[in-house]
Amino acid sequence: MLPVYITQRHARAMLLLGTCNPSGESAQYNGLYYTANELAALVRGVPVKTEHTGNEIGRVVSGFLDANGALQCVMEVDESTLEGAIASGFVRDGVAADLSLGYSVDVQHTDDHLKAGAKKMLEISIVRKGARKGCHIHAFQTDNAAVVYKARAADATWDYFEL
């Protein structure tokens, strides 16, 4: 496990570890998803939100690519705010167990096709059901308590709802 360095920690905070994006696409890929090279860029300091809306409830404190090239992030959620406390409760209770990237893509139009240009990471959201396969919260820790590792349900409960 890689060390995580936190310079300023909120009085009441939950740390989350999860997969924010599956392994990136090849360098020749021209689309809206991130390539492996783009994922290698640092995501530290990116805001954390819930369901891609509302106020920021925390920040990404560390990010790295795992052996498979998937983006792993450590996030700090400020539990001293109402929104942060509610989101942390949803994570603890398994209501919100996935992660989703919010980013913009510069799309260039030409006569015969579209070309995806620069991508800018806007936020990472804690969500009920993520859009990308494998983007889950794997573990969390509150205050100085033991780390809790999240087990994934055999079935995707949220798949039964149209979200």
N, C-alpha and C. Protein backbone atom coordinates (compact mmCIF):
# COMPACT_ATOMS: atom_id res chain seq x y z
N MET A 1 0.85 -1.18 0.00
CA MET A 1 0.00 0.00 0.00
C MET A 1 0.89 1.23 0.00
N LEU A 2 0.59 2.18 -0.84
CA LEU A 2 1.37 3.41 -0.93
C LEU A 2 1.04 4.33 0.23
N PRO A 3 2.02 5.07 0.74
CA PRO A 3 1.73 6.01 1.83
C PRO A 3 0.93 7.19 1.32
N VAL A 4 0.08 7.71 2.17
CA VAL A 4 -0.73 8.88 1.83
C VAL A 4 -0.32 9.99 2.77
N TYR A 5 0.03 11.13 2.22
CA TYR A 5 0.44 12.27 3.02
C TYR A 5 -0.65 13.32 2.98
N ILE A 6 -1.15 13.68 4.13
CA ILE A 6 -2.19 14.69 4.22
C ILE A 6 -1.61 15.88 4.96
N THR A 7 -1.65 17.03 4.33
CA THR A 7 -1.04 18.21 4.93
C THR A 7 -1.99 18.89 5.90
N GLN A 8 -3.26 18.97 5.55
CA GLN A 8 -4.23 19.61 6.43
C GLN A 8 -5.45 18.73 6.49
N ARG A 9 -5.77 18.21 7.65
CA ARG A 9 -6.88 17.28 7.79
C ARG A 9 -8.01 17.96 8.53
N HIS A 10 -9.24 17.76 8.03
CA HIS A 10 -10.40 18.30 8.71
C HIS A 10 -10.58 17.62 10.06
N ALA A 11 -11.19 18.33 11.02
CA ALA A 11 -11.40 17.79 12.36
C ALA A 11 -12.18 16.48 12.29
N ARG A 12 -13.23 16.44 11.50
CA ARG A 12 -14.01 15.22 11.30
C ARG A 12 -13.98 14.90 9.82
N ALA A 13 -13.26 13.86 9.47
CA ALA A 13 -13.12 13.53 8.05
C ALA A 13 -13.16 12.04 7.85
N MET A 14 -13.65 11.65 6.68
CA MET A 14 -13.61 10.25 6.25
C MET A 14 -12.66 10.18 5.06
N LEU A 15 -11.75 9.23 5.11
CA LEU A 15 -10.88 8.97 3.97
C LEU A 15 -11.48 7.81 3.17
N LEU A 16 -11.49 7.96 1.86
CA LEU A 16 -12.01 6.93 0.97
C LEU A 16 -10.92 6.51 0.00
N LEU A 17 -10.88 5.24 -0.33
CA LEU A 17 -10.00 4.73 -1.38
C LEU A 17 -10.88 4.02 -2.39
N GLY A 18 -10.71 4.36 -3.66
CA GLY A 18 -11.52 3.69 -4.67
C GLY A 18 -10.98 3.86 -6.07
N THR A 19 -11.53 3.06 -6.96
CA THR A 19 -11.20 3.14 -8.38
C THR A 19 -12.08 4.21 -9.00
N CYS A 20 -11.47 5.24 -9.54
CA CYS A 20 -12.20 6.37 -10.13
C CYS A 20 -12.37 6.23 -11.63
N ASN A 21 -11.52 5.43 -12.26
CA ASN A 21 -11.61 5.24 -13.70
C ASN A 21 -10.92 3.92 -14.05
N PRO A 22 -11.55 3.11 -14.93
CA PRO A 22 -10.87 1.87 -15.35
C PRO A 22 -9.62 2.21 -16.14
N SER A 23 -8.85 1.20 -16.50
CA SER A 23 -7.62 1.48 -17.25
C SER A 23 -7.93 2.30 -18.50
N GLY A 24 -7.02 3.20 -18.81
CA GLY A 24 -7.23 4.14 -19.91
C GLY A 24 -7.17 3.49 -21.28
N GLU A 25 -7.66 4.20 -22.25
CA GLU A 25 -7.66 3.73 -23.63
C GLU A 25 -6.26 3.88 -24.22
N SER A 26 -6.04 3.27 -25.38
CA SER A 26 -4.73 3.33 -26.03
C SER A 26 -4.45 4.75 -26.52
N ALA A 27 -3.20 5.02 -26.83
CA ALA A 27 -2.78 6.35 -27.26
C ALA A 27 -3.45 6.77 -28.57
N GLN A 28 -3.84 5.80 -29.42
CA GLN A 28 -4.47 6.11 -30.70
C GLN A 28 -5.97 6.42 -30.55
N TYR A 29 -6.53 6.19 -29.39
CA TYR A 29 -7.95 6.40 -29.16
C TYR A 29 -8.33 7.87 -29.32
N ASN A 30 -9.44 8.12 -30.01
CA ASN A 30 -9.94 9.47 -30.19
C ASN A 30 -11.39 9.49 -29.73
N GLY A 31 -11.60 9.75 -28.45
CA GLY A 31 -12.95 9.74 -27.92
C GLY A 31 -13.05 10.49 -26.61
N LEU A 32 -14.18 10.31 -25.97
CA LEU A 32 -14.47 11.07 -24.76
C LEU A 32 -13.84 10.49 -23.50
N TYR A 33 -13.45 9.21 -23.50
CA TYR A 33 -12.82 8.62 -22.33
C TYR A 33 -11.35 9.02 -22.26
N TYR A 34 -10.77 8.86 -21.08
CA TYR A 34 -9.35 9.17 -20.89
C TYR A 34 -8.46 8.08 -21.49
N THR A 35 -7.32 8.51 -22.03
CA THR A 35 -6.29 7.55 -22.47
C THR A 35 -5.40 7.25 -21.26
N ALA A 36 -4.59 6.21 -21.38
CA ALA A 36 -3.68 5.85 -20.30
C ALA A 36 -2.73 7.00 -19.98
N ASN A 37 -2.24 7.69 -21.02
CA ASN A 37 -1.33 8.82 -20.81
C ASN A 37 -2.01 9.97 -20.06
N GLU A 38 -3.28 10.23 -20.39
CA GLU A 38 -4.00 11.31 -19.72
C GLU A 38 -4.29 10.97 -18.26
N LEU A 39 -4.54 9.68 -17.98
CA LEU A 39 -4.81 9.27 -16.60
C LEU A 39 -3.59 9.42 -15.70
N ALA A 40 -2.42 9.37 -16.29
CA ALA A 40 -1.19 9.47 -15.51
C ALA A 40 -1.01 10.85 -14.89
N ALA A 41 -1.75 11.84 -15.39
CA ALA A 41 -1.66 13.19 -14.83
C ALA A 41 -2.18 13.19 -13.39
N LEU A 42 -1.61 14.03 -12.58
CA LEU A 42 -1.97 14.10 -11.17
C LEU A 42 -3.38 14.64 -10.96
N VAL A 43 -4.16 14.02 -10.06
CA VAL A 43 -5.52 14.46 -9.77
C VAL A 43 -5.64 15.07 -8.38
N ARG A 44 -4.53 15.20 -7.70
CA ARG A 44 -4.56 15.74 -6.33
C ARG A 44 -5.21 17.12 -6.30
N GLY A 45 -6.08 17.32 -5.32
CA GLY A 45 -6.73 18.61 -5.15
C GLY A 45 -8.06 18.75 -5.88
N VAL A 46 -8.42 17.75 -6.69
CA VAL A 46 -9.70 17.79 -7.41
C VAL A 46 -10.83 17.70 -6.38
N PRO A 47 -11.89 18.50 -6.53
CA PRO A 47 -13.01 18.47 -5.58
C PRO A 47 -13.76 17.13 -5.61
N VAL A 48 -14.34 16.76 -4.47
CA VAL A 48 -15.21 15.60 -4.36
C VAL A 48 -16.62 16.12 -4.15
N LYS A 49 -17.58 15.56 -4.91
CA LYS A 49 -18.99 15.94 -4.81
C LYS A 49 -19.83 14.68 -4.67
N THR A 50 -21.14 14.86 -4.58
CA THR A 50 -22.06 13.73 -4.61
C THR A 50 -22.94 13.86 -5.84
N GLU A 51 -23.06 12.77 -6.58
CA GLU A 51 -23.91 12.72 -7.77
C GLU A 51 -23.68 13.89 -8.74
N HIS A 52 -22.46 14.38 -8.82
CA HIS A 52 -22.05 15.46 -9.74
C HIS A 52 -22.79 16.78 -9.51
N THR A 53 -23.31 17.00 -8.32
CA THR A 53 -24.05 18.23 -8.05
C THR A 53 -23.67 18.80 -6.69
N GLY A 54 -24.15 19.99 -6.44
CA GLY A 54 -24.01 20.61 -5.13
C GLY A 54 -22.61 21.10 -4.83
N ASN A 55 -22.44 21.38 -3.54
CA ASN A 55 -21.16 21.90 -3.08
C ASN A 55 -20.12 20.79 -2.97
N GLU A 56 -18.89 21.20 -2.98
CA GLU A 56 -17.78 20.26 -2.77
C GLU A 56 -17.85 19.76 -1.33
N ILE A 57 -17.67 18.45 -1.14
CA ILE A 57 -17.71 17.87 0.22
C ILE A 57 -16.33 17.39 0.65
N GLY A 58 -15.34 17.53 -0.22
CA GLY A 58 -13.99 17.10 0.11
C GLY A 58 -13.06 17.31 -1.06
N ARG A 59 -11.88 16.69 -0.96
CA ARG A 59 -10.84 16.83 -1.98
C ARG A 59 -10.11 15.51 -2.17
N VAL A 60 -9.55 15.32 -3.36
CA VAL A 60 -8.67 14.19 -3.63
C VAL A 60 -7.32 14.54 -3.02
N VAL A 61 -6.79 13.64 -2.17
CA VAL A 61 -5.50 13.90 -1.54
C VAL A 61 -4.36 13.13 -2.19
N SER A 62 -4.71 12.08 -2.96
CA SER A 62 -3.68 11.30 -3.63
C SER A 62 -4.31 10.52 -4.78
N GLY A 63 -3.55 10.32 -5.83
CA GLY A 63 -4.02 9.52 -6.94
C GLY A 63 -2.86 8.79 -7.57
N PHE A 64 -3.12 7.57 -8.06
CA PHE A 64 -2.08 6.78 -8.71
C PHE A 64 -2.73 5.76 -9.63
N LEU A 65 -1.95 5.26 -10.59
CA LEU A 65 -2.40 4.20 -11.48
C LEU A 65 -1.95 2.87 -10.91
N ASP A 66 -2.88 1.91 -10.80
CA ASP A 66 -2.51 0.59 -10.29
C ASP A 66 -1.83 -0.23 -11.38
N ALA A 67 -1.51 -1.48 -11.08
CA ALA A 67 -0.79 -2.34 -12.03
C ALA A 67 -1.58 -2.56 -13.32
N ASN A 68 -2.90 -2.43 -13.28
CA ASN A 68 -3.72 -2.60 -14.48
C ASN A 68 -3.96 -1.29 -15.22
N GLY A 69 -3.44 -0.18 -14.70
CA GLY A 69 -3.61 1.12 -15.33
C GLY A 69 -4.88 1.85 -14.92
N ALA A 70 -5.62 1.32 -13.92
CA ALA A 70 -6.83 1.98 -13.44
C ALA A 70 -6.44 3.09 -12.46
N LEU A 71 -7.20 4.17 -12.49
CA LEU A 71 -6.93 5.31 -11.62
C LEU A 71 -7.50 5.05 -10.23
N GLN A 72 -6.64 5.02 -9.24
CA GLN A 72 -7.03 4.85 -7.83
C GLN A 72 -6.85 6.20 -7.14
N CYS A 73 -7.81 6.58 -6.31
CA CYS A 73 -7.71 7.86 -5.61
C CYS A 73 -8.02 7.69 -4.14
N VAL A 74 -7.34 8.48 -3.34
CA VAL A 74 -7.66 8.63 -1.92
C VAL A 74 -8.31 9.99 -1.79
N MET A 75 -9.51 10.01 -1.21
CA MET A 75 -10.27 11.25 -1.07
C MET A 75 -10.56 11.49 0.40
N GLU A 76 -10.64 12.77 0.77
CA GLU A 76 -11.00 13.15 2.12
C GLU A 76 -12.35 13.87 2.06
N VAL A 77 -13.32 13.34 2.80
CA VAL A 77 -14.65 13.95 2.87
C VAL A 77 -14.78 14.65 4.21
N ASP A 78 -15.15 15.92 4.17
CA ASP A 78 -15.30 16.74 5.38
C ASP A 78 -16.64 16.43 6.03
N GLU A 79 -16.61 15.68 7.14
CA GLU A 79 -17.84 15.29 7.83
C GLU A 79 -18.38 16.37 8.76
N SER A 80 -17.70 17.51 8.84
CA SER A 80 -18.21 18.59 9.68
C SER A 80 -19.29 19.40 8.96
N THR A 81 -19.47 19.14 7.64
CA THR A 81 -20.55 19.79 6.91
C THR A 81 -21.71 18.81 6.81
N LEU A 82 -22.92 19.34 6.65
CA LEU A 82 -24.10 18.49 6.52
C LEU A 82 -23.98 17.55 5.32
N GLU A 83 -23.61 18.11 4.16
CA GLU A 83 -23.49 17.31 2.95
C GLU A 83 -22.45 16.21 3.10
N GLY A 84 -21.30 16.55 3.70
CA GLY A 84 -20.23 15.58 3.91
C GLY A 84 -20.64 14.47 4.87
N ALA A 85 -21.34 14.85 5.94
CA ALA A 85 -21.81 13.85 6.92
C ALA A 85 -22.81 12.89 6.29
N ILE A 86 -23.72 13.41 5.48
CA ILE A 86 -24.72 12.57 4.82
C ILE A 86 -24.04 11.63 3.83
N ALA A 87 -23.13 12.16 3.00
CA ALA A 87 -22.42 11.33 2.02
C ALA A 87 -21.61 10.24 2.72
N SER A 88 -20.95 10.58 3.82
CA SER A 88 -20.17 9.58 4.56
C SER A 88 -21.08 8.47 5.10
N GLY A 89 -22.25 8.86 5.59
CA GLY A 89 -23.21 7.87 6.06
C GLY A 89 -23.66 6.95 4.94
N PHE A 90 -23.89 7.51 3.75
CA PHE A 90 -24.28 6.70 2.60
C PHE A 90 -23.17 5.72 2.22
N VAL A 91 -21.91 6.13 2.33
CA VAL A 91 -20.79 5.24 2.04
C VAL A 91 -20.75 4.12 3.08
N ARG A 92 -20.84 4.48 4.36
CA ARG A 92 -20.82 3.47 5.44
C ARG A 92 -21.93 2.44 5.28
N ASP A 93 -23.13 2.92 4.89
CA ASP A 93 -24.30 2.05 4.78
C ASP A 93 -24.40 1.34 3.44
N GLY A 94 -23.51 1.62 2.51
CA GLY A 94 -23.53 0.96 1.21
C GLY A 94 -24.53 1.54 0.22
N VAL A 95 -25.15 2.66 0.56
CA VAL A 95 -26.10 3.30 -0.36
C VAL A 95 -25.34 3.90 -1.55
N ALA A 96 -24.25 4.55 -1.27
CA ALA A 96 -23.39 5.11 -2.32
C ALA A 96 -22.07 4.34 -2.27
N ALA A 97 -21.85 3.49 -3.26
CA ALA A 97 -20.67 2.63 -3.24
C ALA A 97 -19.79 2.79 -4.47
N ASP A 98 -20.16 3.70 -5.38
CA ASP A 98 -19.41 3.85 -6.62
C ASP A 98 -18.81 5.25 -6.74
N LEU A 99 -17.91 5.40 -7.70
CA LEU A 99 -17.28 6.68 -7.99
C LEU A 99 -17.44 7.00 -9.47
N SER A 100 -17.46 8.28 -9.78
CA SER A 100 -17.65 8.72 -11.16
C SER A 100 -16.86 10.01 -11.38
N LEU A 101 -16.16 10.07 -12.50
CA LEU A 101 -15.40 11.28 -12.85
C LEU A 101 -16.31 12.29 -13.54
N GLY A 102 -16.14 13.54 -13.18
CA GLY A 102 -16.78 14.63 -13.89
C GLY A 102 -15.69 15.42 -14.58
N TYR A 103 -15.75 15.48 -15.90
CA TYR A 103 -14.71 16.20 -16.64
C TYR A 103 -15.29 16.78 -17.92
N SER A 104 -14.59 17.76 -18.46
CA SER A 104 -15.00 18.36 -19.72
C SER A 104 -14.04 17.92 -20.81
N VAL A 105 -14.55 17.90 -22.04
CA VAL A 105 -13.75 17.50 -23.20
C VAL A 105 -13.89 18.58 -24.26
N ASP A 106 -12.77 19.04 -24.76
CA ASP A 106 -12.75 19.98 -25.87
C ASP A 106 -12.97 19.18 -27.15
N VAL A 107 -14.10 19.33 -27.79
CA VAL A 107 -14.38 18.59 -29.02
C VAL A 107 -14.22 19.52 -30.21
N GLN A 108 -13.39 19.10 -31.16
CA GLN A 108 -13.14 19.90 -32.36
C GLN A 108 -13.92 19.28 -33.53
N HIS A 109 -14.65 20.11 -34.23
CA HIS A 109 -15.45 19.66 -35.37
C HIS A 109 -14.69 19.91 -36.66
N THR A 110 -14.64 18.90 -37.51
CA THR A 110 -14.10 19.08 -38.85
C THR A 110 -15.18 18.66 -39.84
N ASP A 111 -14.89 18.73 -41.12
CA ASP A 111 -15.89 18.41 -42.13
C ASP A 111 -16.43 16.99 -42.01
N ASP A 112 -15.55 16.04 -41.75
CA ASP A 112 -15.99 14.65 -41.79
C ASP A 112 -15.99 13.91 -40.45
N HIS A 113 -15.48 14.52 -39.39
CA HIS A 113 -15.48 13.81 -38.10
C HIS A 113 -15.25 14.77 -36.92
N LEU A 114 -15.40 14.20 -35.73
CA LEU A 114 -15.12 14.94 -34.50
C LEU A 114 -13.81 14.45 -33.92
N LYS A 115 -13.08 15.34 -33.29
CA LYS A 115 -11.82 14.96 -32.63
C LYS A 115 -11.87 15.44 -31.20
N ALA A 116 -11.64 14.50 -30.27
CA ALA A 116 -11.60 14.85 -28.86
C ALA A 116 -10.27 15.52 -28.56
N GLY A 117 -10.35 16.68 -27.95
CA GLY A 117 -9.14 17.42 -27.60
C GLY A 117 -8.83 17.27 -26.12
N ALA A 118 -8.40 18.36 -25.52
CA ALA A 118 -7.98 18.36 -24.12
C ALA A 118 -9.16 18.02 -23.20
N LYS A 119 -8.83 17.27 -22.17
CA LYS A 119 -9.82 16.92 -21.16
C LYS A 119 -9.40 17.57 -19.85
N LYS A 120 -10.38 18.06 -19.11
CA LYS A 120 -10.10 18.72 -17.83
C LYS A 120 -10.95 18.07 -16.75
N MET A 121 -10.29 17.53 -15.73
CA MET A 121 -10.99 16.91 -14.62
C MET A 121 -11.63 18.00 -13.76
N LEU A 122 -12.94 17.92 -13.57
CA LEU A 122 -13.67 18.91 -12.79
C LEU A 122 -13.92 18.45 -11.36
N GLU A 123 -14.28 17.18 -11.20
CA GLU A 123 -14.57 16.64 -9.87
C GLU A 123 -14.68 15.13 -9.94
N ILE A 124 -14.64 14.51 -8.77
CA ILE A 124 -14.93 13.09 -8.63
C ILE A 124 -16.14 13.01 -7.72
N SER A 125 -17.13 12.23 -8.14
CA SER A 125 -18.37 12.15 -7.37
C SER A 125 -18.55 10.78 -6.72
N ILE A 126 -19.07 10.83 -5.52
CA ILE A 126 -19.56 9.63 -4.84
C ILE A 126 -20.98 9.44 -5.34
N VAL A 127 -21.26 8.28 -5.93
CA VAL A 127 -22.56 8.05 -6.56
C VAL A 127 -23.16 6.71 -6.14
N ARG A 128 -24.47 6.59 -6.33
CA ARG A 128 -25.15 5.32 -6.06
C ARG A 128 -24.73 4.27 -7.07
N LYS A 129 -24.73 4.65 -8.34
CA LYS A 129 -24.38 3.71 -9.42
C LYS A 129 -23.53 4.43 -10.44
N GLY A 130 -22.29 4.01 -10.55
CA GLY A 130 -21.37 4.63 -11.49
C GLY A 130 -21.63 4.20 -12.92
N ALA A 131 -21.19 5.03 -13.85
CA ALA A 131 -21.39 4.75 -15.27
C ALA A 131 -20.36 3.78 -15.82
N ARG A 132 -19.18 3.73 -15.21
CA ARG A 132 -18.09 2.88 -15.73
C ARG A 132 -17.92 1.66 -14.85
N LYS A 133 -17.72 0.52 -15.49
CA LYS A 133 -17.55 -0.75 -14.79
C LYS A 133 -16.29 -0.72 -13.92
N GLY A 134 -16.43 -1.21 -12.68
CA GLY A 134 -15.29 -1.35 -11.79
C GLY A 134 -14.93 -0.11 -10.98
N CYS A 135 -15.71 0.96 -11.08
CA CYS A 135 -15.39 2.19 -10.36
C CYS A 135 -16.13 2.21 -9.02
N HIS A 136 -15.50 1.61 -8.03
CA HIS A 136 -16.13 1.43 -6.73
C HIS A 136 -15.27 2.00 -5.61
N ILE A 137 -15.92 2.25 -4.48
CA ILE A 137 -15.20 2.58 -3.24
C ILE A 137 -14.77 1.24 -2.63
N HIS A 138 -13.49 1.10 -2.37
CA HIS A 138 -12.96 -0.16 -1.85
C HIS A 138 -12.77 -0.15 -0.34
N ALA A 139 -12.51 1.02 0.22
CA ALA A 139 -12.24 1.10 1.65
C ALA A 139 -12.49 2.52 2.15
N PHE A 140 -12.75 2.61 3.45
CA PHE A 140 -12.87 3.93 4.07
C PHE A 140 -12.36 3.88 5.49
N GLN A 141 -12.05 5.05 6.02
CA GLN A 141 -11.58 5.17 7.40
C GLN A 141 -12.08 6.49 7.96
N THR A 142 -12.64 6.44 9.15
CA THR A 142 -13.07 7.66 9.82
C THR A 142 -12.19 7.88 11.04
N ASP A 143 -11.85 9.15 11.27
CA ASP A 143 -10.98 9.54 12.37
C ASP A 143 -9.78 8.61 12.44
N ASN A 144 -9.50 8.03 13.59
CA ASN A 144 -8.35 7.12 13.71
C ASN A 144 -8.81 5.67 13.86
N ALA A 145 -10.02 5.37 13.41
CA ALA A 145 -10.56 4.02 13.49
C ALA A 145 -9.87 3.11 12.47
N ALA A 146 -10.15 1.83 12.58
CA ALA A 146 -9.59 0.86 11.63
C ALA A 146 -10.17 1.09 10.24
N VAL A 147 -9.42 0.71 9.24
CA VAL A 147 -9.88 0.81 7.86
C VAL A 147 -10.96 -0.25 7.64
N VAL A 148 -12.05 0.15 6.98
CA VAL A 148 -13.14 -0.77 6.66
C VAL A 148 -13.07 -1.05 5.16
N TYR A 149 -12.93 -2.33 4.82
CA TYR A 149 -12.89 -2.73 3.42
C TYR A 149 -14.30 -3.10 2.98
N LYS A 150 -14.75 -2.52 1.86
CA LYS A 150 -16.10 -2.73 1.37
C LYS A 150 -16.15 -4.00 0.52
N ALA A 151 -17.07 -4.88 0.86
CA ALA A 151 -17.30 -6.06 0.03
C ALA A 151 -18.32 -5.70 -1.03
N ARG A 152 -18.12 -6.17 -2.23
CA ARG A 152 -19.06 -5.91 -3.33
C ARG A 152 -20.13 -6.99 -3.32
N ALA A 153 -21.37 -6.58 -3.47
CA ALA A 153 -22.47 -7.52 -3.55
C ALA A 153 -22.33 -8.35 -4.82
N ALA A 154 -22.78 -9.60 -4.75
CA ALA A 154 -22.70 -10.48 -5.92
C ALA A 154 -23.57 -9.95 -7.05
N ASP A 155 -24.69 -9.34 -6.70
CA ASP A 155 -25.53 -8.76 -7.74
C ASP A 155 -25.45 -7.24 -7.63
N ALA A 156 -25.78 -6.58 -8.69
CA ALA A 156 -25.77 -5.12 -8.69
C ALA A 156 -27.17 -4.63 -8.32
N THR A 157 -27.39 -4.41 -7.05
CA THR A 157 -28.72 -4.05 -6.55
C THR A 157 -29.31 -2.86 -7.27
N TRP A 158 -28.49 -1.84 -7.53
CA TRP A 158 -29.00 -0.62 -8.15
C TRP A 158 -29.39 -0.84 -9.61
N ASP A 159 -28.95 -1.98 -10.21
CA ASP A 159 -29.34 -2.25 -11.59
C ASP A 159 -30.84 -2.45 -11.75
N TYR A 160 -31.51 -2.78 -10.66
CA TYR A 160 -32.95 -3.01 -10.71
C TYR A 160 -33.76 -1.71 -10.76
N PHE A 161 -33.10 -0.61 -10.51
CA PHE A 161 -33.77 0.70 -10.54
C PHE A 161 -33.30 1.45 -11.78
N GLU A 162 -34.18 2.24 -12.33
CA GLU A 162 -33.80 3.06 -13.48
C GLU A 162 -33.33 4.41 -12.98
N LEU A 163 -32.02 4.54 -12.82
CA LEU A 163 -31.42 5.77 -12.30
C LEU A 163 -30.86 6.61 -13.40
